[in-house]
Structures are given as structure tokens and as C-alpha cells.
Amino acid sequence: MKLVFAGTPEVAVPALDALIASERHEVAAVVTRPDAAAGRGRRLVASPVAQRAEEAGIEVLKPAKPRDEDFLARLREIAPDCCPVVAYGALLPKEALEIPARGWVNLHFSLLPAWRGAAPVQHAVLAGDEVTGASTFRIEEGLDTGPVYGVVTEQVRPTDTSGDLLTRLAFAGAGLLAATMDGIEDGTLKAVPQPAEGVTYASKINVEDALIHWSAPALRVDRLVRACAPAPGAWTVFRGERLKVMSVALLPDRTDLGPGELAVTKNAVYAGTGSHAAELLWVQPQGKKPMRAADWARGVRIAGGERLGA
């Protein structure tokens, strides 16, 4: 089939690579978000998908909005059979959805209908899911409501961050998306409507959502830290300044610290929660690079009775 691939971040690149490598399909063009300012110099940088497409000599389309008439006209000229999508980052209007004969097929990083929305992997970690996965489905105008072509499953490991889990799903999902294109082309794969039961939603997790409440149980704190890694980063307040908490370890046997209360030894830093203590492993003080929590504690010279939190 002739394909136009839509995607933007690094997590979409394995799927693009899988389709480029396919002997059955032609990636005629790529649709991605416009170049964005990055780095200290705030210079414009092309998305990871755009960079990979340019390396492969594939035409790159960067509409400000996918309803722009110039973009729609070019898409009609290309006349793709199908448009696979991975984390494109913009809603597709009806006019665009109607162009490819076999529709737009999204690779979504959850087992639909669970975790529809922008942040399925983060919410799977936050909720303590033991198993998640990826689904391919035909896009319709609802939010991730379209019929499903196929799924792959992935175990959520006890120490997984969202970044860890998403990396594995990106590669497993790439194979699923390529297989889905094959099945659509030869007619052996039919989309099945999603069940009405089991629907959950995964809204974007913003900086405010990533604030650690030390009165919560330790397990909840651990899940929040892992769900927000690498972005937006779980955080707390120490001496009036923001402190990112990048990783923790749970200490079920230590219950002598109140919520947010700090205890320091030569090589470790402990914080109390609503249940038992957590050891801070890596932190990032405001305006500084990530560091081991023990090194941070030596630098700030924590006094007895000091706490984390506003």
C-alpha cells in the first residue's frame, strides 16, 4: 500500500522504521508537527520523525494545523491508501480522515478501551497496572474510540518508569503496526468494535499533577515518581524551592518518620510518607543537574526536623 505516516516524537520512530523496512508498503510522505524551539539557544529543531524521514529521503509535511487547505490538497495529490499514526500530537479533522481509502490507523499505547487519551503509559504506571500493551485501531472522530485491529501485551515491571515502559512498547508496537498494514492490505484483518465495558481515560499529566503529597501512602508516592519519569518529573518543595524527585526506594520496615520528614545518614536520605518511609535515590535541585540524593543532602546540610513539602 501507499502510506503517509503521521508522528512526531522519538517514540514514533521505531514504527516509521518498521514501515520503511517493509517490502510490501511504500512510505510516500510523513506528516509531523512543525519545528519547535529547543535548547538554551531556543533554535528551531525538526521533530525526531521529521529527521528520520529526511534521512530516508521521504517527503515531510509540517502543517501548522492538519485542517490547513494546502496540507489537505497535498494529501489528496499523494492519494495514500492508508495513513498509520503514532503520537502525531494533533486532532485530525473529518476532511483529512476521509482522504485515504483505508482510513487512518493509530498505534495507541494501551489495551483499549483502557486508558484512552494523551498519557496512557503514565496512567498505567500510576494506577499500578500489572499488564498493559499497545493497540492498533481505525481513527474516527471520537477520542480513541475506533474499532481495534490488533493488540500486543506488555508486563509492567515493579521498577518501570513511564520512559522504560514506553520504550518497550514503541518497539513491540512497531511490529504490530507493520503487521496491521499487512493484514489490511490482504484483507485478512478486520477491525472489531471496542467493548463498552472497561473504558478509562488518560488525561495529560501536567506539572501540577506531579506534585508529591507526602501524606499519601508510600506506594502511591513511588508510582507517581515512576509515572512522571522522565517527564514532567515528580517534585516537592524544600526550603521554599522546587526539588525534583527522580527515583525512590520503599522501606516497608521504617515507620518512624512523619509525612515529608527527612532523616539523613552518611550515604542515604529518607523521607516519611503516610505509611512507611521512602529512600530518595536521585533528585534534581532547582537550576541544577540531577544528582544522588546523598550528595544533595551533604551539600544543603539538612537539619533535624526538616521536611519536604510546601
Protein backbone atom coordinates (compact mmCIF):
# COMPACT_ATOMS: atom_id res chain seq x y z
CA MET A 1 0.00 0.00 0.00
CA LYS A 2 0.99 3.62 -0.40
CA LEU A 3 1.26 5.08 3.10
CA VAL A 4 1.51 8.54 4.64
CA PHE A 5 2.89 8.19 8.15
CA ALA A 6 1.93 10.71 10.87
CA GLY A 7 4.04 11.03 14.01
CA THR A 8 6.25 13.43 15.91
CA PRO A 9 8.35 12.29 18.93
CA GLU A 10 11.15 9.76 19.28
CA VAL A 11 8.69 7.08 20.39
CA ALA A 12 7.18 7.10 16.88
CA VAL A 13 10.49 6.47 15.09
CA PRO A 14 10.59 2.64 15.56
CA ALA A 15 7.20 2.35 13.85
CA LEU A 16 8.34 4.55 10.97
CA ASP A 17 11.48 2.42 10.63
CA ALA A 18 9.40 -0.76 10.54
CA LEU A 19 7.24 0.61 7.72
CA ILE A 20 10.23 1.90 5.75
CA ALA A 21 11.80 -1.55 6.03
CA SER A 22 8.62 -3.28 4.84
CA GLU A 23 8.82 -4.74 1.33
CA ARG A 24 5.04 -4.56 0.97
CA HIS A 25 4.44 -0.86 1.56
CA GLU A 26 5.72 2.49 0.34
CA VAL A 27 6.00 5.38 2.79
CA ALA A 28 5.26 8.18 0.33
CA ALA A 29 5.36 11.02 2.88
CA VAL A 30 5.46 11.82 6.58
CA VAL A 31 3.23 14.25 8.47
CA THR A 32 4.68 15.75 11.64
CA ARG A 33 4.35 18.77 13.89
CA PRO A 34 6.16 21.97 12.88
CA ASP A 35 9.72 22.58 14.04
CA ALA A 36 9.87 23.62 17.71
CA ALA A 37 12.28 25.73 19.73
CA ALA A 38 14.71 23.65 21.78
CA GLY A 39 17.87 24.03 23.85
CA ARG A 40 19.31 27.08 25.54
CA GLY A 41 19.51 28.94 22.25
CA ARG A 42 15.83 28.18 21.56
CA ARG A 43 16.60 27.47 17.92
CA LEU A 44 14.03 25.67 15.81
CA VAL A 45 14.57 21.92 15.62
CA ALA A 46 12.76 19.38 13.44
CA SER A 47 10.90 16.57 15.21
CA PRO A 48 12.60 13.17 15.54
CA VAL A 49 10.18 11.75 12.96
CA ALA A 50 10.98 14.57 10.52
CA GLN A 51 14.70 13.99 10.97
CA ARG A 52 14.37 10.25 10.33
CA ALA A 53 12.19 10.83 7.25
CA GLU A 54 14.67 13.32 5.82
CA GLU A 55 17.49 10.82 6.32
CA ALA A 56 15.45 8.29 4.34
CA GLY A 57 14.66 10.78 1.56
CA ILE A 58 10.94 10.87 2.32
CA GLU A 59 8.82 13.98 1.77
CA VAL A 60 7.95 15.72 5.06
CA LEU A 61 4.75 17.71 5.60
CA LYS A 62 4.58 20.06 8.59
CA PRO A 63 1.16 21.73 8.62
CA ALA A 64 0.52 24.25 11.39
CA LYS A 65 -2.88 22.59 11.62
CA PRO A 66 -3.99 19.42 9.80
CA ARG A 67 -7.07 21.24 8.54
CA ASP A 68 -4.90 23.68 6.52
CA GLU A 69 -6.09 23.58 2.93
CA ASP A 70 -2.59 23.38 1.44
CA PHE A 71 -1.89 20.28 3.50
CA LEU A 72 -5.21 18.66 2.60
CA ALA A 73 -4.61 19.39 -1.08
CA ARG A 74 -1.16 17.79 -0.98
CA LEU A 75 -2.55 14.77 0.85
CA ARG A 76 -5.15 14.36 -1.89
CA GLU A 77 -2.41 14.57 -4.51
CA ILE A 78 -0.42 11.82 -2.83
CA ALA A 79 -3.62 9.73 -2.58
CA PRO A 80 -2.45 7.32 0.15
CA ASP A 81 -4.20 4.00 0.62
CA CYS A 82 -3.78 4.24 4.39
CA CYS A 83 -2.29 6.63 6.96
CA PRO A 84 -0.66 4.99 10.00
CA VAL A 85 -0.33 7.28 13.04
CA VAL A 86 1.89 7.18 16.13
CA ALA A 87 1.82 10.08 18.61
CA TYR A 88 1.25 12.74 15.97
CA GLY A 89 0.05 15.29 18.51
CA ALA A 90 -2.88 16.98 16.76
CA LEU A 91 -6.53 16.12 16.16
CA LEU A 92 -7.33 15.10 12.61
CA PRO A 93 -10.35 16.81 11.02
CA LYS A 94 -13.04 14.95 9.12
CA GLU A 95 -11.69 16.29 5.83
CA ALA A 96 -8.37 14.57 6.44
CA LEU A 97 -9.91 11.35 7.76
CA GLU A 98 -11.86 10.92 4.51
CA ILE A 99 -8.86 11.09 2.16
CA PRO A 100 -7.16 7.65 2.48
CA ALA A 101 -9.35 4.84 1.12
CA ARG A 102 -8.49 2.56 4.06
CA GLY A 103 -8.51 5.24 6.70
CA TRP A 104 -6.09 6.38 9.38
CA VAL A 105 -4.81 3.66 11.72
CA ASN A 106 -3.45 4.69 15.10
CA LEU A 107 -0.94 2.83 17.25
CA HIS A 108 -2.03 3.62 20.81
CA PHE A 109 -0.01 2.54 23.83
CA SER A 110 -2.71 0.84 25.89
CA LEU A 111 -5.07 -2.12 25.72
CA LEU A 112 -8.15 -0.28 24.51
CA PRO A 113 -10.69 0.66 25.78
CA ALA A 114 -8.41 1.17 28.82
CA TRP A 115 -6.55 4.48 29.01
CA ARG A 116 -7.94 6.36 26.07
CA GLY A 117 -6.27 9.74 25.73
CA ALA A 118 -2.94 11.53 25.82
CA ALA A 119 -0.96 9.74 28.56
CA PRO A 120 -1.83 6.02 28.63
CA VAL A 121 1.57 4.75 29.76
CA GLN A 122 1.87 7.25 32.61
CA HIS A 123 -1.60 6.35 33.88
CA ALA A 124 -0.89 2.61 33.66
CA VAL A 125 2.14 3.09 35.92
CA LEU A 126 0.27 5.46 38.24
CA ALA A 127 -2.63 3.03 38.60
CA GLY A 128 -0.34 0.10 39.36
CA ASP A 129 -1.44 -1.93 36.31
CA GLU A 130 0.41 -5.23 36.10
CA VAL A 131 -0.17 -5.63 32.35
CA THR A 132 -0.60 -3.06 29.61
CA GLY A 133 0.12 -3.09 25.88
CA ALA A 134 -0.47 -1.42 22.55
CA SER A 135 -3.44 -1.41 20.18
CA THR A 136 -3.95 -0.53 16.54
CA PHE A 137 -7.34 0.94 15.70
CA ARG A 138 -9.06 2.85 12.94
CA ILE A 139 -9.38 6.52 13.83
CA GLU A 140 -12.84 8.04 13.93
CA GLU A 141 -13.98 11.38 15.31
CA GLY A 142 -14.28 10.18 18.93
CA LEU A 143 -11.32 10.08 21.34
CA ASP A 144 -9.61 6.72 20.70
CA THR A 145 -12.99 5.06 20.21
CA GLY A 146 -12.46 3.38 16.84
CA PRO A 147 -12.58 -0.36 16.14
CA VAL A 148 -9.42 -2.32 17.02
CA TYR A 149 -7.32 -4.30 14.54
CA GLY A 150 -4.84 -5.90 16.92
CA VAL A 151 -3.05 -5.75 20.27
CA VAL A 152 0.22 -6.74 21.90
CA THR A 153 0.62 -7.06 25.67
CA GLU A 154 3.49 -5.99 27.91
CA GLN A 155 4.13 -6.69 31.59
CA VAL A 156 4.61 -3.65 33.79
CA ARG A 157 7.69 -4.30 35.92
CA PRO A 158 7.78 -3.14 39.56
CA THR A 159 10.55 -0.61 38.89
CA ASP A 160 9.35 0.60 35.47
CA THR A 161 9.26 4.31 34.82
CA SER A 162 6.98 5.60 32.09
CA GLY A 163 10.07 6.04 29.95
CA ASP A 164 11.15 2.42 30.42
CA LEU A 165 7.73 1.06 29.59
CA LEU A 166 7.14 3.36 26.63
CA THR A 167 10.45 2.36 25.06
CA ARG A 168 9.49 -1.32 25.12
CA LEU A 169 6.01 -0.58 23.81
CA ALA A 170 7.41 1.55 20.98
CA PHE A 171 9.33 -1.40 19.58
CA ALA A 172 6.62 -4.01 20.22
CA GLY A 173 4.04 -1.64 18.76
CA ALA A 174 6.15 -1.04 15.65
CA GLY A 175 5.86 -4.70 14.73
CA LEU A 176 2.13 -4.64 15.47
CA LEU A 177 1.59 -1.62 13.22
CA ALA A 178 3.51 -3.18 10.33
CA ALA A 179 1.54 -6.41 10.71
CA THR A 180 -1.69 -4.40 10.81
CA MET A 181 -0.81 -2.73 7.49
CA ASP A 182 -0.15 -6.18 6.01
CA GLY A 183 -3.48 -7.52 7.23
CA ILE A 184 -5.42 -4.53 5.95
CA GLU A 185 -3.78 -4.82 2.54
CA ASP A 186 -4.50 -8.51 2.05
CA GLY A 187 -7.95 -8.38 3.65
CA THR A 188 -7.23 -10.88 6.41
CA LEU A 189 -7.62 -8.37 9.24
CA LYS A 190 -10.93 -6.85 10.27
CA ALA A 191 -11.41 -4.18 12.91
CA VAL A 192 -13.52 -5.17 15.91
CA PRO A 193 -15.58 -2.58 17.86
CA GLN A 194 -14.27 -1.79 21.33
CA PRO A 195 -16.33 -3.18 24.24
CA ALA A 196 -18.48 -0.75 26.18
CA GLU A 197 -17.05 -2.03 29.49
CA GLY A 198 -13.63 -1.17 30.87
CA VAL A 199 -13.32 2.34 29.47
CA THR A 200 -10.81 4.54 31.32
CA TYR A 201 -9.25 7.86 30.36
CA ALA A 202 -5.66 9.06 30.49
CA SER A 203 -5.53 12.83 30.52
CA LYS A 204 -2.20 14.60 30.13
CA ILE A 205 -0.22 14.73 33.36
CA ASN A 206 0.99 18.29 33.88
CA VAL A 207 3.44 19.80 36.35
CA GLU A 208 0.74 20.48 38.93
CA ASP A 209 -0.33 16.81 38.83
CA ALA A 210 3.27 15.76 39.53
CA LEU A 211 3.40 17.37 42.98
CA ILE A 212 4.20 14.76 45.64
CA HIS A 213 1.83 14.64 48.61
CA TRP A 214 3.91 13.06 51.37
CA SER A 215 0.79 12.23 53.37
CA ALA A 216 -0.12 9.68 50.68
CA PRO A 217 0.93 6.04 51.16
CA ALA A 218 4.49 5.23 50.11
CA LEU A 219 3.29 3.03 47.26
CA ARG A 220 1.37 5.98 45.81
CA VAL A 221 4.45 8.19 46.07
CA ASP A 222 6.58 5.57 44.31
CA ARG A 223 4.06 5.19 41.49
CA LEU A 224 3.84 8.94 41.00
CA VAL A 225 7.62 9.27 40.81
CA ARG A 226 7.89 6.46 38.27
CA ALA A 227 4.87 7.64 36.25
CA CYS A 228 6.33 11.14 35.92
CA ALA A 229 9.79 9.97 34.85
CA PRO A 230 11.23 11.29 32.64
CA ALA A 231 8.55 13.98 32.21
CA PRO A 232 7.16 16.11 33.69
CA GLY A 233 9.12 14.93 36.75
CA ALA A 234 7.64 14.42 40.22
CA TRP A 235 8.53 17.25 42.56
CA THR A 236 8.31 18.62 46.05
CA VAL A 237 9.42 21.75 47.90
CA PHE A 238 12.45 22.10 50.16
CA ARG A 239 13.29 25.40 51.84
CA GLY A 240 10.91 27.19 49.50
CA GLU A 241 12.47 25.87 46.28
CA ARG A 242 11.33 23.13 43.95
CA LEU A 243 13.12 19.79 44.20
CA LYS A 244 12.53 17.10 41.59
CA VAL A 245 12.43 13.57 42.94
CA MET A 246 13.62 11.29 40.17
CA SER A 247 13.66 7.89 41.88
CA VAL A 248 12.91 6.38 45.27
CA ALA A 249 13.06 3.01 47.00
CA LEU A 250 10.44 1.88 49.50
CA LEU A 251 11.37 0.87 53.05
CA PRO A 252 8.36 -1.01 54.50
CA ASP A 253 10.07 -1.63 57.85
CA ARG A 254 10.70 2.05 58.65
CA THR A 255 7.67 3.84 60.06
CA ASP A 256 9.26 6.36 62.44
CA LEU A 257 9.14 9.37 60.10
CA GLY A 258 6.13 11.62 59.65
CA PRO A 259 4.93 12.72 56.18
CA GLY A 260 7.77 14.57 54.45
CA GLU A 261 10.07 14.33 57.49
CA LEU A 262 13.71 13.83 56.49
CA ALA A 263 16.35 11.61 58.03
CA VAL A 264 19.93 11.55 56.76
CA THR A 265 22.79 9.09 57.17
CA LYS A 266 26.25 9.21 55.61
CA ASN A 267 25.07 7.55 52.40
CA ALA A 268 21.28 7.81 52.34
CA VAL A 269 18.33 10.17 52.64
CA TYR A 270 14.93 9.03 53.90
CA ALA A 271 11.55 10.75 53.71
CA GLY A 272 8.41 9.82 55.59
CA THR A 273 5.06 9.23 53.87
CA GLY A 274 1.55 8.44 55.01
CA SER A 275 2.57 4.81 55.57
CA HIS A 276 6.27 3.95 55.69
CA ALA A 277 9.49 5.64 54.63
CA ALA A 278 10.96 6.05 51.18
CA GLU A 279 14.64 6.41 50.39
CA LEU A 280 15.39 9.24 47.97
CA LEU A 281 17.80 7.92 45.36
CA TRP A 282 18.13 10.67 42.73
CA VAL A 283 16.97 14.29 42.94
CA GLN A 284 17.35 17.47 40.92
CA PRO A 285 17.50 20.77 42.80
CA GLN A 286 16.08 23.83 41.09
CA GLY A 287 18.51 25.15 38.47
CA LYS A 288 20.93 22.23 38.84
CA LYS A 289 21.67 18.88 37.26
CA PRO A 290 20.35 15.55 38.62
CA MET A 291 22.42 14.16 41.48
CA ARG A 292 22.41 11.39 44.03
CA ALA A 293 20.20 12.31 46.95
CA ALA A 294 23.01 11.66 49.43
CA ASP A 295 25.24 14.17 47.62
CA TRP A 296 22.42 16.72 47.62
CA ALA A 297 21.85 16.22 51.35
CA ARG A 298 25.54 16.75 52.15
CA GLY A 299 25.50 19.97 50.16
CA VAL A 300 22.43 21.51 51.81
CA ARG A 301 23.23 20.19 55.34
CA ILE A 302 19.77 19.09 56.36
CA ALA A 303 18.93 19.92 59.97
CA GLY A 304 16.97 17.70 62.31
CA GLY A 305 13.21 18.05 61.91
CA GLU A 306 13.30 19.49 58.37
CA ARG A 307 10.63 18.29 55.97
CA LEU A 308 9.79 18.10 52.31
CA GLY A 309 6.61 19.77 51.11
CA ALA A 310 5.07 23.22 50.99
